Amino acid sequence: MTIKEQINQELEKLPEPLLQEILDFVQSLQAKHEKNSISSDTQPDQMLITEHTLTGSTAEDLLEFIGIWEGSDIKECLQLVHDSRIPLEL
């Protein structure tokens, strides 16, 4: 069985919400591949600029992938961040 056949077989088992996530993931992979193939045709200086440029990413776009904070432990999480930081030495 080919990889494509195995993927199709597994996709048949999934509910619609997971299929949407997979579609989003596949589209992001395609965009990344297209971006990399375009970047390989550019000069090295242009590649550095392209690699560090966000294209159309807004907080609203990101929420599609990460969801919404639903926890009630924000204060504890923030305290953990503060407790685990390395002190700055000047």
PDB file of N, CA and C in Angstrom:
ATOM      1  N   MET A   1       0.845  -1.181   0.000  1.00  0.00           N
ATOM      2  CA  MET A   1       0.000   0.000   0.000  1.00  0.00           C
ATOM      3  C   MET A   1       0.892   1.246   0.000  1.00  0.00           C
ATOM      4  N   THR A   2       0.569   2.212  -0.857  1.00  0.00           N
ATOM      5  CA  THR A   2       1.364   3.429  -0.939  1.00  0.00           C
ATOM      6  C   THR A   2       1.052   4.354   0.246  1.00  0.00           C
ATOM      7  N   ILE A   3       1.914   5.334   0.429  1.00  0.00           N
ATOM      8  CA  ILE A   3       1.697   6.306   1.501  1.00  0.00           C
ATOM      9  C   ILE A   3       0.386   7.050   1.265  1.00  0.00           C
ATOM     10  N   LYS A   4       0.128   7.430   0.034  1.00  0.00           N
ATOM     11  CA  LYS A   4      -1.106   8.150  -0.290  1.00  0.00           C
ATOM     12  C   LYS A   4      -2.330   7.296   0.055  1.00  0.00           C
ATOM     13  N   GLU A   5      -2.282   6.022  -0.239  1.00  0.00           N
ATOM     14  CA  GLU A   5      -3.394   5.123   0.093  1.00  0.00           C
ATOM     15  C   GLU A   5      -3.567   4.997   1.603  1.00  0.00           C
ATOM     16  N   GLN A   6      -2.455   4.928   2.329  1.00  0.00           N
ATOM     17  CA  GLN A   6      -2.525   4.843   3.787  1.00  0.00           C
ATOM     18  C   GLN A   6      -3.133   6.112   4.381  1.00  0.00           C
ATOM     19  N   ILE A   7      -2.732   7.250   3.844  1.00  0.00           N
ATOM     20  CA  ILE A   7      -3.282   8.528   4.327  1.00  0.00           C
ATOM     21  C   ILE A   7      -4.774   8.578   4.051  1.00  0.00           C
ATOM     22  N   ASN A   8      -5.170   8.227   2.855  1.00  0.00           N
ATOM     23  CA  ASN A   8      -6.593   8.227   2.506  1.00  0.00           C
ATOM     24  C   ASN A   8      -7.391   7.294   3.410  1.00  0.00           C
ATOM     25  N   GLN A   9      -6.835   6.147   3.714  1.00  0.00           N
ATOM     26  CA  GLN A   9      -7.498   5.183   4.585  1.00  0.00           C
ATOM     27  C   GLN A   9      -7.711   5.780   5.985  1.00  0.00           C
ATOM     28  N   GLU A  10      -6.697   6.453   6.505  1.00  0.00           N
ATOM     29  CA  GLU A  10      -6.814   7.068   7.829  1.00  0.00           C
ATOM     30  C   GLU A  10      -7.776   8.255   7.810  1.00  0.00           C
ATOM     31  N   LEU A  11      -7.783   9.024   6.716  1.00  0.00           N
ATOM     32  CA  LEU A  11      -8.677  10.168   6.604  1.00  0.00           C
ATOM     33  C   LEU A  11     -10.141   9.756   6.650  1.00  0.00           C
ATOM     34  N   GLU A  12     -10.434   8.608   6.102  1.00  0.00           N
ATOM     35  CA  GLU A  12     -11.817   8.118   6.089  1.00  0.00           C
ATOM     36  C   GLU A  12     -12.366   7.909   7.491  1.00  0.00           C
ATOM     37  N   LYS A  13     -11.504   7.711   8.467  1.00  0.00           N
ATOM     38  CA  LYS A  13     -11.920   7.424   9.841  1.00  0.00           C
ATOM     39  C   LYS A  13     -12.157   8.682  10.673  1.00  0.00           C
ATOM     40  N   LEU A  14     -11.716   9.838  10.185  1.00  0.00           N
ATOM     41  CA  LEU A  14     -11.704  11.045  10.997  1.00  0.00           C
ATOM     42  C   LEU A  14     -13.001  11.848  10.909  1.00  0.00           C
ATOM     43  N   PRO A  15     -13.365  12.518  12.022  1.00  0.00           N
ATOM     44  CA  PRO A  15     -14.528  13.410  11.995  1.00  0.00           C
ATOM     45  C   PRO A  15     -14.199  14.713  11.259  1.00  0.00           C
ATOM     46  N   GLU A  16     -15.226  15.417  10.855  1.00  0.00           N
ATOM     47  CA  GLU A  16     -15.080  16.636  10.056  1.00  0.00           C
ATOM     48  C   GLU A  16     -14.175  17.697  10.695  1.00  0.00           C
ATOM     49  N   PRO A  17     -14.270  17.986  12.009  1.00  0.00           N
ATOM     50  CA  PRO A  17     -13.388  19.015  12.574  1.00  0.00           C
ATOM     51  C   PRO A  17     -11.896  18.682  12.424  1.00  0.00           C
ATOM     52  N   LEU A  18     -11.545  17.416  12.580  1.00  0.00           N
ATOM     53  CA  LEU A  18     -10.140  17.033  12.397  1.00  0.00           C
ATOM     54  C   LEU A  18      -9.731  17.136  10.935  1.00  0.00           C
ATOM     55  N   LEU A  19     -10.652  16.861  10.040  1.00  0.00           N
ATOM     56  CA  LEU A  19     -10.337  16.998   8.618  1.00  0.00           C
ATOM     57  C   LEU A  19     -10.017  18.451   8.281  1.00  0.00           C
ATOM     58  N   GLN A  20     -10.721  19.404   8.911  1.00  0.00           N
ATOM     59  CA  GLN A  20     -10.434  20.820   8.675  1.00  0.00           C
ATOM     60  C   GLN A  20      -9.041  21.166   9.162  1.00  0.00           C
ATOM     61  N   GLU A  21      -8.648  20.647  10.324  1.00  0.00           N
ATOM     62  CA  GLU A  21      -7.299  20.901  10.836  1.00  0.00           C
ATOM     63  C   GLU A  21      -6.247  20.329   9.903  1.00  0.00           C
ATOM     64  N   ILE A  22      -6.507  19.145   9.381  1.00  0.00           N
ATOM     65  CA  ILE A  22      -5.556  18.514   8.464  1.00  0.00           C
ATOM     66  C   ILE A  22      -5.454  19.315   7.178  1.00  0.00           C
ATOM     67  N   LEU A  23      -6.586  19.795   6.683  1.00  0.00           N
ATOM     68  CA  LEU A  23      -6.569  20.627   5.476  1.00  0.00           C
ATOM     69  C   LEU A  23      -5.738  21.887   5.706  1.00  0.00           C
ATOM     70  N   ASP A  24      -5.937  22.537   6.855  1.00  0.00           N
ATOM     71  CA  ASP A  24      -5.154  23.730   7.183  1.00  0.00           C
ATOM     72  C   ASP A  24      -3.666  23.402   7.219  1.00  0.00           C
ATOM     73  N   PHE A  25      -3.324  22.266   7.825  1.00  0.00           N
ATOM     74  CA  PHE A  25      -1.926  21.858   7.928  1.00  0.00           C
ATOM     75  C   PHE A  25      -1.325  21.591   6.548  1.00  0.00           C
ATOM     76  N   VAL A  26      -2.056  20.877   5.715  1.00  0.00           N
ATOM     77  CA  VAL A  26      -1.565  20.558   4.370  1.00  0.00           C
ATOM     78  C   VAL A  26      -1.366  21.842   3.570  1.00  0.00           C
ATOM     79  N   GLN A  27      -2.302  22.775   3.697  1.00  0.00           N
ATOM     80  CA  GLN A  27      -2.163  24.034   2.969  1.00  0.00           C
ATOM     81  C   GLN A  27      -0.968  24.840   3.461  1.00  0.00           C
ATOM     82  N   SER A  28      -0.708  24.792   4.770  1.00  0.00           N
ATOM     83  CA  SER A  28       0.467  25.513   5.278  1.00  0.00           C
ATOM     84  C   SER A  28       1.751  24.853   4.798  1.00  0.00           C
ATOM     85  N   LEU A  29       1.760  23.524   4.713  1.00  0.00           N
ATOM     86  CA  LEU A  29       2.934  22.833   4.173  1.00  0.00           C
ATOM     87  C   LEU A  29       3.169  23.204   2.717  1.00  0.00           C
ATOM     88  N   GLN A  30       2.089  23.269   1.955  1.00  0.00           N
ATOM     89  CA  GLN A  30       2.224  23.640   0.545  1.00  0.00           C
ATOM     90  C   GLN A  30       2.759  25.060   0.404  1.00  0.00           C
ATOM     91  N   ALA A  31       2.241  25.970   1.217  1.00  0.00           N
ATOM     92  CA  ALA A  31       2.708  27.361   1.151  1.00  0.00           C
ATOM     93  C   ALA A  31       4.177  27.450   1.534  1.00  0.00           C
ATOM     94  N   LYS A  32       4.565  26.699   2.565  1.00  0.00           N
ATOM     95  CA  LYS A  32       5.967  26.704   2.990  1.00  0.00           C
ATOM     96  C   LYS A  32       6.855  26.146   1.882  1.00  0.00           C
ATOM     97  N   HIS A  33       6.421  25.072   1.250  1.00  0.00           N
ATOM     98  CA  HIS A  33       7.198  24.474   0.162  1.00  0.00           C
ATOM     99  C   HIS A  33       7.330  25.451  -1.006  1.00  0.00           C
ATOM    100  N   GLU A  34       6.233  26.112  -1.348  1.00  0.00           N
ATOM    101  CA  GLU A  34       6.280  27.086  -2.436  1.00  0.00           C
ATOM    102  C   GLU A  34       7.215  28.237  -2.089  1.00  0.00           C
ATOM    103  N   LYS A  35       7.139  28.698  -0.832  1.00  0.00           N
ATOM    104  CA  LYS A  35       8.003  29.793  -0.392  1.00  0.00           C
ATOM    105  C   LYS A  35       9.463  29.374  -0.464  1.00  0.00           C
ATOM    106  N   ASN A  36       9.777  28.143  -0.029  1.00  0.00           N
ATOM    107  CA  ASN A  36      11.154  27.665  -0.069  1.00  0.00           C
ATOM    108  C   ASN A  36      11.656  27.516  -1.494  1.00  0.00           C
ATOM    109  N   SER A  37      10.795  27.062  -2.404  1.00  0.00           N
ATOM    110  CA  SER A  37      11.246  26.897  -3.784  1.00  0.00           C
ATOM    111  C   SER A  37      11.458  28.254  -4.442  1.00  0.00           C
ATOM    112  N   ILE A  38      10.655  29.250  -4.062  1.00  0.00           N
ATOM    113  CA  ILE A  38      10.859  30.603  -4.583  1.00  0.00           C
ATOM    114  C   ILE A  38      12.137  31.184  -3.998  1.00  0.00           C
ATOM    115  N   SER A  39      12.358  30.962  -2.692  1.00  0.00           N
ATOM    116  CA  SER A  39      13.548  31.503  -2.024  1.00  0.00           C
ATOM    117  C   SER A  39      14.822  30.925  -2.604  1.00  0.00           C
ATOM    118  N   SER A  40      14.808  29.674  -3.020  1.00  0.00           N
ATOM    119  CA  SER A  40      16.026  29.062  -3.548  1.00  0.00           C
ATOM    120  C   SER A  40      16.427  29.672  -4.886  1.00  0.00           C
ATOM    121  N   ASP A  41      15.482  30.357  -5.548  1.00  0.00           N
ATOM    122  CA  ASP A  41      15.784  31.014  -6.812  1.00  0.00           C
ATOM    123  C   ASP A  41      16.287  32.439  -6.626  1.00  0.00           C
ATOM    124  N   THR A  42      16.235  32.950  -5.380  1.00  0.00           N
ATOM    125  CA  THR A  42      16.646  34.332  -5.134  1.00  0.00           C
ATOM    126  C   THR A  42      18.092  34.374  -4.681  1.00  0.00           C
ATOM    127  N   GLN A  43      18.630  35.562  -4.623  1.00  0.00           N
ATOM    128  CA  GLN A  43      20.002  35.740  -4.165  1.00  0.00           C
ATOM    129  C   GLN A  43      20.057  35.582  -2.652  1.00  0.00           C
ATOM    130  N   PRO A  44      21.229  35.237  -2.078  1.00  0.00           N
ATOM    131  CA  PRO A  44      21.359  35.025  -0.632  1.00  0.00           C
ATOM    132  C   PRO A  44      20.855  36.181   0.216  1.00  0.00           C
ATOM    133  N   ASP A  45      21.132  37.437  -0.157  1.00  0.00           N
ATOM    134  CA  ASP A  45      20.665  38.581   0.630  1.00  0.00           C
ATOM    135  C   ASP A  45      19.141  38.632   0.657  1.00  0.00           C
ATOM    136  N   GLN A  46      18.520  38.327  -0.456  1.00  0.00           N
ATOM    137  CA  GLN A  46      17.064  38.336  -0.526  1.00  0.00           C
ATOM    138  C   GLN A  46      16.482  37.198   0.308  1.00  0.00           C
ATOM    139  N   MET A  47      17.168  36.069   0.372  1.00  0.00           N
ATOM    140  CA  MET A  47      16.678  34.930   1.143  1.00  0.00           C
ATOM    141  C   MET A  47      16.601  35.273   2.619  1.00  0.00           C
ATOM    142  N   LEU A  48      17.597  35.976   3.156  1.00  0.00           N
ATOM    143  CA  LEU A  48      17.580  36.339   4.569  1.00  0.00           C
ATOM    144  C   LEU A  48      16.372  37.202   4.896  1.00  0.00           C
ATOM    145  N   ILE A  49      16.055  38.125   4.037  1.00  0.00           N
ATOM    146  CA  ILE A  49      14.897  38.989   4.252  1.00  0.00           C
ATOM    147  C   ILE A  49      13.618  38.165   4.181  1.00  0.00           C
ATOM    148  N   THR A  50      13.501  37.277   3.210  1.00  0.00           N
ATOM    149  CA  THR A  50      12.305  36.466   3.028  1.00  0.00           C
ATOM    150  C   THR A  50      12.072  35.542   4.209  1.00  0.00           C
ATOM    151  N   GLU A  51      13.121  34.945   4.756  1.00  0.00           N
ATOM    152  CA  GLU A  51      12.968  33.990   5.840  1.00  0.00           C
ATOM    153  C   GLU A  51      12.436  34.625   7.104  1.00  0.00           C
ATOM    154  N   HIS A  52      12.699  35.911   7.328  1.00  0.00           N
ATOM    155  CA  HIS A  52      12.303  36.559   8.567  1.00  0.00           C
ATOM    156  C   HIS A  52      11.072  37.445   8.410  1.00  0.00           C
ATOM    157  N   THR A  53      10.378  37.358   7.302  1.00  0.00           N
ATOM    158  CA  THR A  53       9.212  38.182   7.061  1.00  0.00           C
ATOM    159  C   THR A  53       7.955  37.353   7.270  1.00  0.00           C
ATOM    160  N   LEU A  54       7.061  37.826   8.134  1.00  0.00           N
ATOM    161  CA  LEU A  54       5.780  37.159   8.319  1.00  0.00           C
ATOM    162  C   LEU A  54       4.847  37.619   7.217  1.00  0.00           C
ATOM    163  N   THR A  55       4.122  36.687   6.633  1.00  0.00           N
ATOM    164  CA  THR A  55       3.240  37.042   5.542  1.00  0.00           C
ATOM    165  C   THR A  55       1.788  36.915   5.979  1.00  0.00           C
ATOM    166  N   GLY A  56       1.169  38.036   6.267  1.00  0.00           N
ATOM    167  CA  GLY A  56      -0.248  38.053   6.560  1.00  0.00           C
ATOM    168  C   GLY A  56      -0.662  37.433   7.883  1.00  0.00           C
ATOM    169  N   SER A  57       0.252  37.217   8.799  1.00  0.00           N
ATOM    170  CA  SER A  57      -0.106  36.621  10.082  1.00  0.00           C
ATOM    171  C   SER A  57      -0.589  37.699  11.034  1.00  0.00           C
ATOM    172  N   THR A  58      -1.809  37.549  11.470  1.00  0.00           N
ATOM    173  CA  THR A  58      -2.346  38.448  12.483  1.00  0.00           C
ATOM    174  C   THR A  58      -2.746  37.601  13.676  1.00  0.00           C
ATOM    175  N   ALA A  59      -3.030  38.250  14.780  1.00  0.00           N
ATOM    176  CA  ALA A  59      -3.474  37.511  15.963  1.00  0.00           C
ATOM    177  C   ALA A  59      -4.740  36.723  15.646  1.00  0.00           C
ATOM    178  N   GLU A  60      -5.609  37.294  14.850  1.00  0.00           N
ATOM    179  CA  GLU A  60      -6.845  36.607  14.484  1.00  0.00           C
ATOM    180  C   GLU A  60      -6.551  35.349  13.665  1.00  0.00           C
ATOM    181  N   ASP A  61      -5.587  35.439  12.738  1.00  0.00           N
ATOM    182  CA  ASP A  61      -5.202  34.269  11.944  1.00  0.00           C
ATOM    183  C   ASP A  61      -4.661  33.163  12.841  1.00  0.00           C
ATOM    184  N   LEU A  62      -3.827  33.551  13.809  1.00  0.00           N
ATOM    185  CA  LEU A  62      -3.214  32.567  14.685  1.00  0.00           C
ATOM    186  C   LEU A  62      -4.238  31.879  15.578  1.00  0.00           C
ATOM    187  N   LEU A  63      -5.287  32.594  15.965  1.00  0.00           N
ATOM    188  CA  LEU A  63      -6.308  31.994  16.824  1.00  0.00           C
ATOM    189  C   LEU A  63      -6.989  30.799  16.167  1.00  0.00           C
ATOM    190  N   GLU A  64      -7.023  30.760  14.838  1.00  0.00           N
ATOM    191  CA  GLU A  64      -7.598  29.609  14.148  1.00  0.00           C
ATOM    192  C   GLU A  64      -6.836  28.331  14.498  1.00  0.00           C
ATOM    193  N   PHE A  65      -5.545  28.457  14.754  1.00  0.00           N
ATOM    194  CA  PHE A  65      -4.718  27.295  15.012  1.00  0.00           C
ATOM    195  C   PHE A  65      -4.520  27.018  16.494  1.00  0.00           C
ATOM    196  N   ILE A  66      -4.506  28.066  17.321  1.00  0.00           N
ATOM    197  CA  ILE A  66      -4.209  27.848  18.728  1.00  0.00           C
ATOM    198  C   ILE A  66      -5.435  27.878  19.619  1.00  0.00           C
ATOM    199  N   GLY A  67      -6.547  28.375  19.134  1.00  0.00           N
ATOM    200  CA  GLY A  67      -7.753  28.406  19.941  1.00  0.00           C
ATOM    201  C   GLY A  67      -7.794  29.607  20.867  1.00  0.00           C
ATOM    202  N   ILE A  68      -8.585  29.496  21.907  1.00  0.00           N
ATOM    203  CA  ILE A  68      -8.804  30.583  22.849  1.00  0.00           C
ATOM    204  C   ILE A  68      -8.403  30.103  24.233  1.00  0.00           C
ATOM    205  N   TRP A  69      -7.850  31.004  25.036  1.00  0.00           N
ATOM    206  CA  TRP A  69      -7.495  30.639  26.400  1.00  0.00           C
ATOM    207  C   TRP A  69      -8.778  30.344  27.151  1.00  0.00           C
ATOM    208  N   GLU A  70      -8.889  29.116  27.669  1.00  0.00           N
ATOM    209  CA  GLU A  70     -10.089  28.726  28.392  1.00  0.00           C
ATOM    210  C   GLU A  70      -9.793  28.352  29.827  1.00  0.00           C
ATOM    211  N   GLY A  71      -8.551  28.505  30.221  1.00  0.00           N
ATOM    212  CA  GLY A  71      -8.170  28.119  31.566  1.00  0.00           C
ATOM    213  C   GLY A  71      -8.446  29.216  32.577  1.00  0.00           C
ATOM    214  N   SER A  72      -8.408  28.834  33.834  1.00  0.00           N
ATOM    215  CA  SER A  72      -8.574  29.817  34.902  1.00  0.00           C
ATOM    216  C   SER A  72      -7.265  29.953  35.679  1.00  0.00           C
ATOM    217  N   ASP A  73      -6.172  29.477  35.098  1.00  0.00           N
ATOM    218  CA  ASP A  73      -4.897  29.447  35.799  1.00  0.00           C
ATOM    219  C   ASP A  73      -3.882  30.431  35.221  1.00  0.00           C
ATOM    220  N   ILE A  74      -4.360  31.519  34.654  1.00  0.00           N
ATOM    221  CA  ILE A  74      -3.450  32.471  34.027  1.00  0.00           C
ATOM    222  C   ILE A  74      -2.470  33.059  35.032  1.00  0.00           C
ATOM    223  N   LYS A  75      -2.935  33.340  36.252  1.00  0.00           N
ATOM    224  CA  LYS A  75      -2.036  33.905  37.262  1.00  0.00           C
ATOM    225  C   LYS A  75      -0.946  32.908  37.633  1.00  0.00           C
ATOM    226  N   GLU A  76      -1.298  31.636  37.772  1.00  0.00           N
ATOM    227  CA  GLU A  76      -0.316  30.605  38.106  1.00  0.00           C
ATOM    228  C   GLU A  76       0.693  30.426  36.972  1.00  0.00           C
ATOM    229  N   CYS A  77       0.208  30.473  35.738  1.00  0.00           N
ATOM    230  CA  CYS A  77       1.109  30.335  34.586  1.00  0.00           C
ATOM    231  C   CYS A  77       2.080  31.502  34.512  1.00  0.00           C
ATOM    232  N   LEU A  78       1.571  32.709  34.749  1.00  0.00           N
ATOM    233  CA  LEU A  78       2.422  33.885  34.729  1.00  0.00           C
ATOM    234  C   LEU A  78       3.459  33.822  35.851  1.00  0.00           C
ATOM    235  N   GLN A  79       3.048  33.352  37.010  1.00  0.00           N
ATOM    236  CA  GLN A  79       3.981  33.218  38.127  1.00  0.00           C
ATOM    237  C   GLN A  79       5.071  32.198  37.794  1.00  0.00           C
ATOM    238  N   LEU A  80       4.700  31.101  37.135  1.00  0.00           N
ATOM    239  CA  LEU A  80       5.673  30.091  36.719  1.00  0.00           C
ATOM    240  C   LEU A  80       6.710  30.696  35.774  1.00  0.00           C
ATOM    241  N   VAL A  81       6.261  31.532  34.873  1.00  0.00           N
ATOM    242  CA  VAL A  81       7.186  32.202  33.948  1.00  0.00           C
ATOM    243  C   VAL A  81       8.162  33.069  34.732  1.00  0.00           C
ATOM    244  N   HIS A  82       7.648  33.855  35.649  1.00  0.00           N
ATOM    245  CA  HIS A  82       8.513  34.726  36.450  1.00  0.00           C
ATOM    246  C   HIS A  82       9.487  33.910  37.303  1.00  0.00           C
ATOM    247  N   ASP A  83       9.008  32.826  37.897  1.00  0.00           N
ATOM    248  CA  ASP A  83       9.856  31.995  38.759  1.00  0.00           C
ATOM    249  C   ASP A  83      10.954  31.273  37.986  1.00  0.00           C
ATOM    250  N   SER A  84      10.701  30.961  36.729  1.00  0.00           N
ATOM    251  CA  SER A  84      11.655  30.151  35.968  1.00  0.00           C
ATOM    252  C   SER A  84      12.593  30.982  35.093  1.00  0.00           C
ATOM    253  N   ARG A  85      12.457  32.306  35.135  1.00  0.00           N
ATOM    254  CA  ARG A  85      13.355  33.156  34.342  1.00  0.00           C
ATOM    255  C   ARG A  85      14.751  33.164  34.946  1.00  0.00           C
ATOM    256  N   ILE A  86      15.730  33.305  34.106  1.00  0.00           N
ATOM    257  CA  ILE A  86      17.116  33.442  34.543  1.00  0.00           C
ATOM    258  C   ILE A  86      17.354  34.923  34.812  1.00  0.00           C
ATOM    259  N   PRO A  87      17.902  35.244  35.987  1.00  0.00           N
ATOM    260  CA  PRO A  87      18.146  36.663  36.283  1.00  0.00           C
ATOM    261  C   PRO A  87      19.115  37.291  35.290  1.00  0.00           C
ATOM    262  N   LEU A  88      18.878  38.531  34.967  1.00  0.00           N
ATOM    263  CA  LEU A  88      19.721  39.260  34.042  1.00  0.00           C
ATOM    264  C   LEU A  88      20.943  39.790  34.792  1.00  0.00           C
ATOM    265  N   GLU A  89      22.109  39.476  34.253  1.00  0.00           N
ATOM    266  CA  GLU A  89      23.353  39.963  34.868  1.00  0.00           C
ATOM    267  C   GLU A  89      23.970  40.991  33.931  1.00  0.00           C
ATOM    268  N   LEU A  90      24.234  42.159  34.470  1.00  0.00           N
ATOM    269  CA  LEU A  90      24.837  43.228  33.649  1.00  0.00           C
ATOM    270  C   LEU A  90      26.294  43.393  33.989  1.00  0.00           C
TER     271      LEU A  90
END
